[in-house]
C-alpha atoms as a PDB file:
ATOM      1  CA  MET A   1      -0.059  -0.043  -0.002  1.00  0.00           C
ATOM      2  CA  ASP A   2       1.009   3.586  -0.585  1.00  0.00           C
ATOM      3  CA  VAL A   3       0.737   5.592   2.643  1.00  0.00           C
ATOM      4  CA  ALA A   4       0.698   9.369   2.979  1.00  0.00           C
ATOM      5  CA  LEU A   5       1.173  11.651   6.040  1.00  0.00           C
ATOM      6  CA  GLY A   6       2.165  15.182   6.368  1.00  0.00           C
ATOM      7  CA  GLY A   7       3.222  17.900   8.869  1.00  0.00           C
ATOM      8  CA  THR A   8       5.842  20.373   9.941  1.00  0.00           C
ATOM      9  CA  PHE A   9       7.835  18.053  12.237  1.00  0.00           C
ATOM     10  CA  ASP A  10       9.764  20.710  14.054  1.00  0.00           C
ATOM     11  CA  PRO A  11      11.032  19.154  16.307  1.00  0.00           C
ATOM     12  CA  VAL A  12      10.261  15.419  15.789  1.00  0.00           C
ATOM     13  CA  HIS A  13       8.973  13.819  18.897  1.00  0.00           C
ATOM     14  CA  ASP A  14       7.472  10.529  20.196  1.00  0.00           C
ATOM     15  CA  GLY A  15       4.053  11.531  18.948  1.00  0.00           C
ATOM     16  CA  HIS A  16       5.403  11.789  15.480  1.00  0.00           C
ATOM     17  CA  ARG A  17       7.187   8.549  15.833  1.00  0.00           C
ATOM     18  CA  ALA A  18       3.927   6.810  16.659  1.00  0.00           C
ATOM     19  CA  LEU A  19       2.619   8.180  13.318  1.00  0.00           C
ATOM     20  CA  PHE A  20       5.710   6.932  11.459  1.00  0.00           C
ATOM     21  CA  GLU A  21       5.541   3.499  13.104  1.00  0.00           C
ATOM     22  CA  ARG A  22       1.978   3.009  12.103  1.00  0.00           C
ATOM     23  CA  ALA A  23       2.555   4.330   8.554  1.00  0.00           C
ATOM     24  CA  PHE A  24       5.443   1.891   7.874  1.00  0.00           C
ATOM     25  CA  GLU A  25       3.414  -0.994   9.279  1.00  0.00           C
ATOM     26  CA  LEU A  26       0.981  -0.452   6.369  1.00  0.00           C
ATOM     27  CA  GLY A  27       3.246   0.132   3.442  1.00  0.00           C
ATOM     28  CA  ASP A  28       5.680   2.428   1.643  1.00  0.00           C
ATOM     29  CA  VAL A  29       5.466   5.990   3.030  1.00  0.00           C
ATOM     30  CA  THR A  30       5.461   9.416   1.457  1.00  0.00           C
ATOM     31  CA  VAL A  31       5.713  12.304   3.955  1.00  0.00           C
ATOM     32  CA  GLY A  32       4.561  15.701   3.005  1.00  0.00           C
ATOM     33  CA  LEU A  33       6.731  18.244   4.809  1.00  0.00           C
ATOM     34  CA  THR A  34       5.371  21.737   5.019  1.00  0.00           C
ATOM     35  CA  SER A  35       7.293  24.369   2.991  1.00  0.00           C
ATOM     36  CA  ASP A  36       8.859  27.367   4.690  1.00  0.00           C
ATOM     37  CA  ASP A  37       5.836  29.353   3.487  1.00  0.00           C
ATOM     38  CA  LEU A  38       3.202  26.969   4.577  1.00  0.00           C
ATOM     39  CA  ALA A  39       4.698  25.956   8.014  1.00  0.00           C
ATOM     40  CA  PRO A  40       3.723  29.134   9.886  1.00  0.00           C
ATOM     41  CA  LYS A  41       0.260  29.043   8.532  1.00  0.00           C
ATOM     42  CA  THR A  42      -0.416  25.610   9.979  1.00  0.00           C
ATOM     43  CA  ARG A  43       0.711  26.495  13.571  1.00  0.00           C
ATOM     44  CA  ASN A  44      -1.836  27.163  16.300  1.00  0.00           C
ATOM     45  CA  GLU A  45       0.682  29.463  17.909  1.00  0.00           C
ATOM     46  CA  ASP A  46       3.074  31.827  16.365  1.00  0.00           C
ATOM     47  CA  ARG A  47       6.683  30.363  16.880  1.00  0.00           C
ATOM     48  CA  ASN A  48       9.778  29.890  15.061  1.00  0.00           C
ATOM     49  CA  VAL A  49      10.013  26.990  12.636  1.00  0.00           C
ATOM     50  CA  ARG A  50      13.367  25.828  11.309  1.00  0.00           C
ATOM     51  CA  SER A  51      14.049  25.834   7.543  1.00  0.00           C
ATOM     52  CA  PHE A  52      12.622  23.189   5.294  1.00  0.00           C
ATOM     53  CA  ALA A  53      16.154  21.912   4.501  1.00  0.00           C
ATOM     54  CA  LYS A  54      17.058  21.408   8.188  1.00  0.00           C
ATOM     55  CA  ARG A  55      13.592  19.808   8.955  1.00  0.00           C
ATOM     56  CA  LYS A  56      13.947  17.517   6.030  1.00  0.00           C
ATOM     57  CA  ALA A  57      17.330  16.335   7.021  1.00  0.00           C
ATOM     58  CA  ASP A  58      16.246  15.580  10.453  1.00  0.00           C
ATOM     59  CA  LEU A  59      13.050  13.904   9.350  1.00  0.00           C
ATOM     60  CA  GLU A  60      14.889  11.562   6.869  1.00  0.00           C
ATOM     61  CA  ALA A  61      17.238  10.569   9.648  1.00  0.00           C
ATOM     62  CA  GLU A  62      14.112   9.690  11.817  1.00  0.00           C
ATOM     63  CA  LEU A  63      12.345   7.785   8.965  1.00  0.00           C
ATOM     64  CA  ARG A  64      15.338   5.640   7.939  1.00  0.00           C
ATOM     65  CA  PRO A  65      15.236   3.237  10.942  1.00  0.00           C
ATOM     66  CA  PHE A  66      11.466   2.737  10.583  1.00  0.00           C
ATOM     67  CA  ALA A  67      11.763   2.047   6.862  1.00  0.00           C
ATOM     68  CA  ASP A  68      14.782  -0.329   7.349  1.00  0.00           C
ATOM     69  CA  GLN A  69      12.995  -2.268  10.136  1.00  0.00           C
ATOM     70  CA  LYS A  70       9.914  -2.886   7.914  1.00  0.00           C
ATOM     71  CA  ASP A  71      11.789  -3.193   4.595  1.00  0.00           C
ATOM     72  CA  ARG A  72       9.810  -0.233   3.185  1.00  0.00           C
ATOM     73  CA  GLU A  73      10.535   2.747   0.950  1.00  0.00           C
ATOM     74  CA  PHE A  74       9.958   6.332   1.915  1.00  0.00           C
ATOM     75  CA  ASP A  75      10.080   9.761   0.299  1.00  0.00           C
ATOM     76  CA  VAL A  76       9.867  13.228   1.727  1.00  0.00           C
ATOM     77  CA  ARG A  77       8.151  15.803  -0.424  1.00  0.00           C
ATOM     78  CA  LYS A  78       7.434  19.561  -0.077  1.00  0.00           C
ATOM     79  CA  LEU A  79       3.962  20.508   0.870  1.00  0.00           C
ATOM     80  CA  THR A  80       2.845  23.947  -0.492  1.00  0.00           C
ATOM     81  CA  GLU A  81      -0.785  23.616   0.456  1.00  0.00           C
ATOM     82  CA  PRO A  82      -2.496  21.920   3.421  1.00  0.00           C
ATOM     83  CA  THR A  83      -4.220  19.123   1.433  1.00  0.00           C
ATOM     84  CA  GLY A  84      -0.875  18.487  -0.226  1.00  0.00           C
ATOM     85  CA  ILE A  85       0.203  15.235  -1.678  1.00  0.00           C
ATOM     86  CA  ALA A  86      -2.709  13.149  -0.398  1.00  0.00           C
ATOM     87  CA  THR A  87      -4.953  14.356  -3.173  1.00  0.00           C
ATOM     88  CA  GLU A  88      -2.822  12.448  -5.641  1.00  0.00           C
ATOM     89  CA  GLU A  89      -4.381   9.297  -7.008  1.00  0.00           C
ATOM     90  CA  LYS A  90      -1.476   6.856  -6.022  1.00  0.00           C
ATOM     91  CA  PHE A  91      -2.194   6.818  -2.251  1.00  0.00           C
ATOM     92  CA  ASP A  92      -4.367   4.248  -0.436  1.00  0.00           C
ATOM     93  CA  VAL A  93      -4.039   5.369   3.215  1.00  0.00           C
ATOM     94  CA  LEU A  94      -3.708   8.647   5.052  1.00  0.00           C
ATOM     95  CA  ILE A  95      -2.150   8.694   8.571  1.00  0.00           C
ATOM     96  CA  VAL A  96      -3.590  11.474  10.776  1.00  0.00           C
ATOM     97  CA  SER A  97      -3.609  12.461  14.393  1.00  0.00           C
ATOM     98  CA  PRO A  98      -6.898  13.193  16.144  1.00  0.00           C
ATOM     99  CA  GLU A  99      -6.697  17.015  15.502  1.00  0.00           C
ATOM    100  CA  THR A 100      -5.952  16.457  11.796  1.00  0.00           C
ATOM    101  CA  LYS A 101      -8.732  13.879  11.027  1.00  0.00           C
ATOM    102  CA  HIS A 102     -11.011  16.710   9.761  1.00  0.00           C
ATOM    103  CA  GLY A 103      -8.303  17.598   7.199  1.00  0.00           C
ATOM    104  CA  GLY A 104      -8.187  14.000   6.107  1.00  0.00           C
ATOM    105  CA  GLU A 105     -11.924  14.006   5.499  1.00  0.00           C
ATOM    106  CA  ARG A 106     -11.495  17.230   3.429  1.00  0.00           C
ATOM    107  CA  ILE A 107      -8.740  15.488   1.421  1.00  0.00           C
ATOM    108  CA  ASN A 108     -11.276  12.624   0.649  1.00  0.00           C
ATOM    109  CA  GLU A 109     -13.780  15.180  -0.603  1.00  0.00           C
ATOM    110  CA  ILE A 110     -11.211  16.576  -2.973  1.00  0.00           C
ATOM    111  CA  ARG A 111     -10.234  13.133  -4.132  1.00  0.00           C
ATOM    112  CA  GLU A 112     -13.876  12.270  -4.813  1.00  0.00           C
ATOM    113  CA  GLU A 113     -14.341  15.426  -6.725  1.00  0.00           C
ATOM    114  CA  GLN A 114     -11.368  14.370  -8.887  1.00  0.00           C
ATOM    115  CA  GLY A 115     -12.817  10.908  -9.402  1.00  0.00           C
ATOM    116  CA  PHE A 116     -10.270   9.119  -7.189  1.00  0.00           C
ATOM    117  CA  ASP A 117     -11.093   6.502  -4.494  1.00  0.00           C
ATOM    118  CA  SER A 118     -11.227   7.724  -0.953  1.00  0.00           C
ATOM    119  CA  LEU A 119      -8.258   7.098   1.222  1.00  0.00           C
ATOM    120  CA  GLU A 120      -8.521   4.907   4.303  1.00  0.00           C
ATOM    121  CA  ILE A 121      -8.033   7.315   7.231  1.00  0.00           C
ATOM    122  CA  VAL A 122      -5.947   5.859  10.103  1.00  0.00           C
ATOM    123  CA  VAL A 123      -6.105   7.964  13.257  1.00  0.00           C
ATOM    124  CA  VAL A 124      -3.165   7.412  15.481  1.00  0.00           C
ATOM    125  CA  PRO A 125      -3.842   8.482  19.134  1.00  0.00           C
ATOM    126  CA  HIS A 126      -1.858  11.149  20.742  1.00  0.00           C
ATOM    127  CA  VAL A 127       1.150  10.171  22.895  1.00  0.00           C
ATOM    128  CA  GLU A 128       0.944  11.642  26.393  1.00  0.00           C
ATOM    129  CA  ALA A 129       3.712  13.441  28.180  1.00  0.00           C
ATOM    130  CA  GLU A 130       4.764  12.748  31.669  1.00  0.00           C
ATOM    131  CA  ASP A 131       2.174  15.246  32.994  1.00  0.00           C
ATOM    132  CA  GLY A 132      -0.697  13.521  31.060  1.00  0.00           C
ATOM    133  CA  ASP A 133      -1.071  16.239  28.432  1.00  0.00           C
ATOM    134  CA  ILE A 134      -0.132  15.522  24.772  1.00  0.00           C
ATOM    135  CA  ILE A 135       3.371  15.658  23.532  1.00  0.00           C
ATOM    136  CA  SER A 136       3.619  18.466  20.934  1.00  0.00           C
ATOM    137  CA  SER A 137       6.411  20.326  19.194  1.00  0.00           C
ATOM    138  CA  THR A 138       5.028  23.616  20.553  1.00  0.00           C
ATOM    139  CA  ARG A 139       5.420  22.351  24.134  1.00  0.00           C
ATOM    140  CA  ILE A 140       8.973  21.197  23.365  1.00  0.00           C
ATOM    141  CA  VAL A 141       9.915  24.583  21.861  1.00  0.00           C
ATOM    142  CA  LYS A 142       8.369  26.354  24.885  1.00  0.00           C
ATOM    143  CA  GLY A 143      10.619  24.278  27.063  1.00  0.00           C
ATOM    144  CA  GLU A 144       7.893  22.456  28.938  1.00  0.00           C
ATOM    145  CA  ILE A 145       8.804  18.896  27.822  1.00  0.00           C
ATOM    146  CA  ASP A 146      11.502  17.135  25.866  1.00  0.00           C
ATOM    147  CA  GLU A 147      10.903  15.032  22.750  1.00  0.00           C
ATOM    148  CA  HIS A 148       9.897  12.022  24.836  1.00  0.00           C
ATOM    149  CA  GLY A 149       7.367  13.939  26.958  1.00  0.00           C
ATOM    150  CA  ASN A 150       9.530  14.196  30.036  1.00  0.00           C
ATOM    151  CA  LEU A 151       8.957  17.421  32.006  1.00  0.00           C
ATOM    152  CA  THR A 152      11.975  19.819  31.774  1.00  0.00           C
ATOM    153  CA  PRO A 153      13.586  20.695  35.048  1.00  0.00           C
ATOM    154  CA  ALA A 154      12.108  24.199  35.054  1.00  0.00           C
ATOM    155  CA  GLN A 155       8.567  22.756  34.580  1.00  0.00           C
ATOM    156  CA  SER A 156       8.844  19.979  37.007  1.00  0.00           C
ATOM    157  CA  GLY A 157      10.524  21.809  39.951  1.00  0.00           C
ATOM    158  CA  ARG A 158      13.670  19.719  39.548  1.00  0.00           C
ATOM    159  CA  ASP A 159      17.061  21.335  39.411  1.00  0.00           C
END
């Protein structure tokens, strides 16, 4: 199967890794990585996002072990619009998180308008941080947690 997923992935964390793991279980993976222009428009909060080139290099390094473990192929492509690559006919499955499920449904509407089959939408649950809230790149950038969801010393009262 051909599997699609997309995001900004800055920085990559265990929640993203759960998406990657599920994607590679299902097939070969194409990841749409938001362009430098699109990335700030997809954020709930205004924050710095590293360049596409830096994010792509880090993302490819994260994806390689998943691909190797499952003997799968992967590609990272630039997303210039939110519906991105998943509206292309070749894909069978779209991996989403709970908050991006609505976007997946919109992608299927576009695919149907184009005469393509709908994608199977696979929702991967959030990964919780040590404090029970979700792991997110924004929380990491703010210094609340690390990439694995551990509270940082300043947030947990530890020195």
